[in-house]
Amino acid sequence: MDIEVLILAQLMKGSKHGYEIKKNIIFVMGNDKIVNNNSLYPKLKLFEKRGWVIKKTEMQERRPNRYVYSITVEGEERFHICLNEFSLETIRIDNEWSIRLAYYELLDLEARRRLLDYRETYMKEKLEHLQQLSLVIGNGEDLDYSEELYFYTRSMVMREIELIKELSCKLESIKGLIR
């Protein structure tokens, strides 16, 4: 997973210093392994080189200066491209789905529809696999997959399908208002 969209999303909300960007990404994604200084600062340097961010020095008393990053118009354009461009294979990855869900309101309407369709396709495939697995569990055959894990996974998939249906209904009502 590329953290590009996560970094740019943080800067879409206003200027921030590196630690604040990292802290917010970890909070939003609920995963402290998704970004670290070795991944964040090289990206910020690359973004600065590409003209997507501007770095300003903030002087601090009795402390080292710190850098504050702001997104440029080009950076905003890049963010929207990154957020709205994805494939079915991308959306099979839970972190990629979570990123798009975290910034769902910033997706254009067509991208929202694709996102929901792709994830629903994947969840239905996963459900089909679980149904096949249940036949093996029902036969009492030797498995490396416990019944508890089966039921847990199935309930999570079913809940995600419900969420997708809820979001699809909301999306259709928004499209109806626009027409």
Foldseek 3Di string as FASTA:
>chain_A
DQCLLQQLVVQVVHKAFQVVSLVVSCVLLVHNVPDDPVRRPVVQVVCVVVQQKDWDWDDDPPDDITIIIHGDPVVVVVSQVVLQDDDLVQLLDPSNLSSCVSVVVSHPLVSLVRSLVSVLVNLVVVLVVLVVVVVCVVVVHDDPADPVNSVVVNVVSVVVNVVSVVVVVVSVVVVVVVD
